C-alpha atoms as a PDB file:
ATOM      1  CA  MET A   1      33.691 130.470  97.540  1.00  0.00           C
ATOM      2  CA  THR A   2      34.160 126.858  96.042  1.00  0.00           C
ATOM      3  CA  PHE A   3      37.077 124.851  96.602  1.00  0.00           C
ATOM      4  CA  PHE A   4      38.043 121.759  94.352  1.00  0.00           C
ATOM      5  CA  HIS A   5      39.283 118.533  95.925  1.00  0.00           C
ATOM      6  CA  ARG A   6      41.571 116.230  93.655  1.00  0.00           C
ATOM      7  CA  SER A   7      42.772 112.936  94.790  1.00  0.00           C
ATOM      8  CA  GLN A   8      46.528 112.581  94.927  1.00  0.00           C
ATOM      9  CA  THR A   9      47.840 110.020  92.860  1.00  0.00           C
ATOM     10  CA  PRO A  10      51.047 107.977  93.680  1.00  0.00           C
ATOM     11  CA  HIS A  11      54.442 108.624  91.495  1.00  0.00           C
ATOM     12  CA  GLN A  12      54.871 106.083  88.909  1.00  0.00           C
ATOM     13  CA  ASP A  13      58.284 104.225  88.808  1.00  0.00           C
ATOM     14  CA  TRP A  14      58.975 106.110  85.294  1.00  0.00           C
ATOM     15  CA  CYS A  15      57.641 109.927  86.228  1.00  0.00           C
ATOM     16  CA  ALA A  16      59.917 112.592  86.771  1.00  0.00           C
ATOM     17  CA  ARG A  17      59.035 113.001  90.663  1.00  0.00           C
ATOM     18  CA  ASP A  18      59.259 116.919  90.639  1.00  0.00           C
ATOM     19  CA  HIS A  19      57.659 120.048  89.219  1.00  0.00           C
ATOM     20  CA  ARG A  20      56.322 118.477  86.137  1.00  0.00           C
ATOM     21  CA  CYS A  21      54.176 115.931  88.080  1.00  0.00           C
ATOM     22  CA  GLY A  22      50.761 117.735  89.353  1.00  0.00           C
ATOM     23  CA  LEU A  23      48.251 116.339  91.956  1.00  0.00           C
ATOM     24  CA  ASP A  24      46.483 114.049  89.511  1.00  0.00           C
ATOM     25  CA  GLU A  25      49.031 113.944  86.456  1.00  0.00           C
ATOM     26  CA  HIS A  26      52.485 112.314  86.260  1.00  0.00           C
ATOM     27  CA  ARG A  27      55.195 113.248  83.397  1.00  0.00           C
ATOM     28  CA  SER A  28      58.209 111.616  82.652  1.00  0.00           C
ATOM     29  CA  PRO A  29      61.490 113.382  81.796  1.00  0.00           C
ATOM     30  CA  GLU A  30      61.475 114.666  78.289  1.00  0.00           C
ATOM     31  CA  VAL A  31      63.348 112.463  75.572  1.00  0.00           C
ATOM     32  CA  ILE A  32      64.796 114.826  72.941  1.00  0.00           C
ATOM     33  CA  ALA A  33      65.507 113.924  69.421  1.00  0.00           C
ATOM     34  CA  ASP A  34      67.490 116.461  67.428  1.00  0.00           C
ATOM     35  CA  ARG A  35      68.359 116.197  63.854  1.00  0.00           C
ATOM     36  CA  ALA A  36      68.878 118.660  60.601  1.00  0.00           C
ATOM     37  CA  GLY A  37      67.733 121.684  62.693  1.00  0.00           C
ATOM     38  CA  GLY A  38      64.477 119.874  63.670  1.00  0.00           C
ATOM     39  CA  ARG A  39      63.792 118.731  67.122  1.00  0.00           C
ATOM     40  CA  ALA A  40      61.143 116.183  68.722  1.00  0.00           C
ATOM     41  CA  VAL A  41      60.283 116.145  72.463  1.00  0.00           C
ATOM     42  CA  ILE A  42      58.448 113.114  73.787  1.00  0.00           C
ATOM     43  CA  THR A  43      56.907 112.808  77.016  1.00  0.00           C
ATOM     44  CA  ARG A  44      55.069 110.039  78.528  1.00  0.00           C
ATOM     45  CA  VAL A  45      52.040 111.114  80.861  1.00  0.00           C
ATOM     46  CA  ARG A  46      49.290 109.605  83.108  1.00  0.00           C
ATOM     47  CA  ALA A  47      46.537 111.482  83.787  1.00  0.00           C
ATOM     48  CA  GLY A  48      43.784 109.688  86.072  1.00  0.00           C
ATOM     49  CA  ASP A  49      43.493 106.498  84.598  1.00  0.00           C
ATOM     50  CA  VAL A  50      44.729 107.384  81.082  1.00  0.00           C
ATOM     51  CA  GLU A  51      48.114 106.765  79.829  1.00  0.00           C
ATOM     52  CA  TYR A  52      49.763 108.249  76.760  1.00  0.00           C
ATOM     53  CA  ALA A  53      52.851 109.730  75.071  1.00  0.00           C
ATOM     54  CA  GLU A  54      52.878 113.642  74.253  1.00  0.00           C
ATOM     55  CA  VAL A  55      54.759 114.576  71.150  1.00  0.00           C
ATOM     56  CA  ASN A  56      55.931 117.869  70.234  1.00  0.00           C
ATOM     57  CA  VAL A  57      57.689 118.345  66.767  1.00  0.00           C
ATOM     58  CA  ARG A  58      59.501 121.666  65.481  1.00  0.00           C
ATOM     59  CA  ILE A  59      60.409 121.306  61.823  1.00  0.00           C
ATOM     60  CA  PRO A  60      61.980 124.267  59.868  1.00  0.00           C
ATOM     61  CA  LEU A  61      60.435 124.795  56.654  1.00  0.00           C
ATOM     62  CA  HIS A  62      62.162 125.690  53.344  1.00  0.00           C
ATOM     63  CA  ALA A  63      60.676 128.595  51.676  1.00  0.00           C
ATOM     64  CA  ASP A  64      60.396 126.832  48.251  1.00  0.00           C
ATOM     65  CA  GLY A  65      59.358 123.200  49.836  1.00  0.00           C
ATOM     66  CA  ALA A  66      57.138 124.194  52.701  1.00  0.00           C
ATOM     67  CA  ARG A  67      53.887 122.837  51.297  1.00  0.00           C
ATOM     68  CA  TRP A  68      55.415 119.430  50.422  1.00  0.00           C
ATOM     69  CA  GLN A  69      57.230 119.371  53.930  1.00  0.00           C
ATOM     70  CA  VAL A  70      53.813 119.944  55.648  1.00  0.00           C
ATOM     71  CA  GLY A  71      52.140 117.070  53.632  1.00  0.00           C
ATOM     72  CA  GLU A  72      55.154 114.613  54.439  1.00  0.00           C
ATOM     73  CA  VAL A  73      54.602 115.423  57.949  1.00  0.00           C
ATOM     74  CA  LEU A  74      51.190 114.686  57.922  1.00  0.00           C
ATOM     75  CA  ARG A  75      51.799 111.743  56.010  1.00  0.00           C
ATOM     76  CA  LEU A  76      54.357 110.431  58.428  1.00  0.00           C
ATOM     77  CA  MET A  77      52.216 111.096  61.360  1.00  0.00           C
ATOM     78  CA  ARG A  78      49.267 109.139  60.125  1.00  0.00           C
ATOM     79  CA  ASP A  79      52.004 106.063  59.845  1.00  0.00           C
ATOM     80  CA  LEU A  80      53.065 106.542  62.887  1.00  0.00           C
ATOM     81  CA  LEU A  81      49.777 106.647  64.614  1.00  0.00           C
ATOM     82  CA  ALA A  82      49.094 103.507  62.636  1.00  0.00           C
ATOM     83  CA  ALA A  83      51.822 101.835  63.650  1.00  0.00           C
ATOM     84  CA  VAL A  84      51.849 102.398  67.439  1.00  0.00           C
ATOM     85  CA  ALA A  85      48.349 103.549  68.457  1.00  0.00           C
ATOM     86  CA  LEU A  86      46.472 100.750  70.153  1.00  0.00           C
ATOM     87  CA  ARG A  87      42.832 100.684  68.678  1.00  0.00           C
ATOM     88  CA  PRO A  88      40.139  98.730  70.518  1.00  0.00           C
ATOM     89  CA  GLY A  89      39.980  94.928  70.209  1.00  0.00           C
ATOM     90  CA  VAL A  90      43.622  94.871  68.798  1.00  0.00           C
ATOM     91  CA  LEU A  91      46.689  94.481  70.845  1.00  0.00           C
ATOM     92  CA  HIS A  92      50.110  94.276  69.498  1.00  0.00           C
ATOM     93  CA  THR A  93      52.096  91.551  70.431  1.00  0.00           C
ATOM     94  CA  ALA A  94      55.671  92.042  71.894  1.00  0.00           C
ATOM     95  CA  ARG A  95      56.947  90.646  68.846  1.00  0.00           C
ATOM     96  CA  ARG A  96      54.955  93.332  66.538  1.00  0.00           C
ATOM     97  CA  ALA A  97      55.969  96.093  68.990  1.00  0.00           C
ATOM     98  CA  ALA A  98      59.869  94.673  68.656  1.00  0.00           C
ATOM     99  CA  ALA A  99      59.629  95.002  65.176  1.00  0.00           C
ATOM    100  CA  ILE A 100      58.013  98.397  64.903  1.00  0.00           C
ATOM    101  CA  ARG A 101      60.982  99.595  67.175  1.00  0.00           C
ATOM    102  CA  ALA A 102      63.656  98.382  65.152  1.00  0.00           C
ATOM    103  CA  ASN A 103      62.132  99.387  61.888  1.00  0.00           C
ATOM    104  CA  THR A 104      61.681 102.968  63.471  1.00  0.00           C
ATOM    105  CA  ALA A 105      65.230 103.033  64.822  1.00  0.00           C
ATOM    106  CA  THR A 106      66.649 102.069  61.517  1.00  0.00           C
ATOM    107  CA  ARG A 107      64.581 104.222  59.399  1.00  0.00           C
ATOM    108  CA  PHE A 108      65.276 107.363  61.609  1.00  0.00           C
ATOM    109  CA  ASN A 109      68.731 106.223  62.853  1.00  0.00           C
ATOM    110  CA  LEU A 110      67.542 106.590  66.687  1.00  0.00           C
ATOM    111  CA  GLY A 111      69.433 103.504  67.799  1.00  0.00           C
ATOM    112  CA  ALA A 112      68.753 102.151  71.095  1.00  0.00           C
ATOM    113  CA  ALA A 113      65.885 103.192  73.340  1.00  0.00           C
ATOM    114  CA  PRO A 114      66.550 106.455  74.732  1.00  0.00           C
ATOM    115  CA  HIS A 115      65.196 105.540  78.329  1.00  0.00           C
ATOM    116  CA  ASP A 116      64.386 102.445  80.073  1.00  0.00           C
ATOM    117  CA  TRP A 117      60.617 103.731  80.521  1.00  0.00           C
ATOM    118  CA  ILE A 118      59.905 102.973  77.041  1.00  0.00           C
ATOM    119  CA  ASP A 119      59.759  99.507  77.688  1.00  0.00           C
ATOM    120  CA  ARG A 120      57.669  99.477  80.866  1.00  0.00           C
END
């Protein structure tokens, strides 16, 4: 019988420090945005040396407009990725990041950052 050995990684200051964290993965508490019957759940994750935001979205579709809605979701997700995803050789400045946060908060009426781990 073969056993795998994984090195335990220390908790991050932003992680949940409970059952959501595994041996080599740390997860923050979920940030939930509810609006008009839809729901988005955002979780900060660190797995090994890689850190990322996990976003799960559930949007109710209307029978007559489902095709348009799905197309609009795809367009907005591309815009979101273009705005926040870092690309090799491109590093957004703090000023750019603040502008993106302000624009997103205004556009989607999110208000202030829901959790302090967003700015860490």
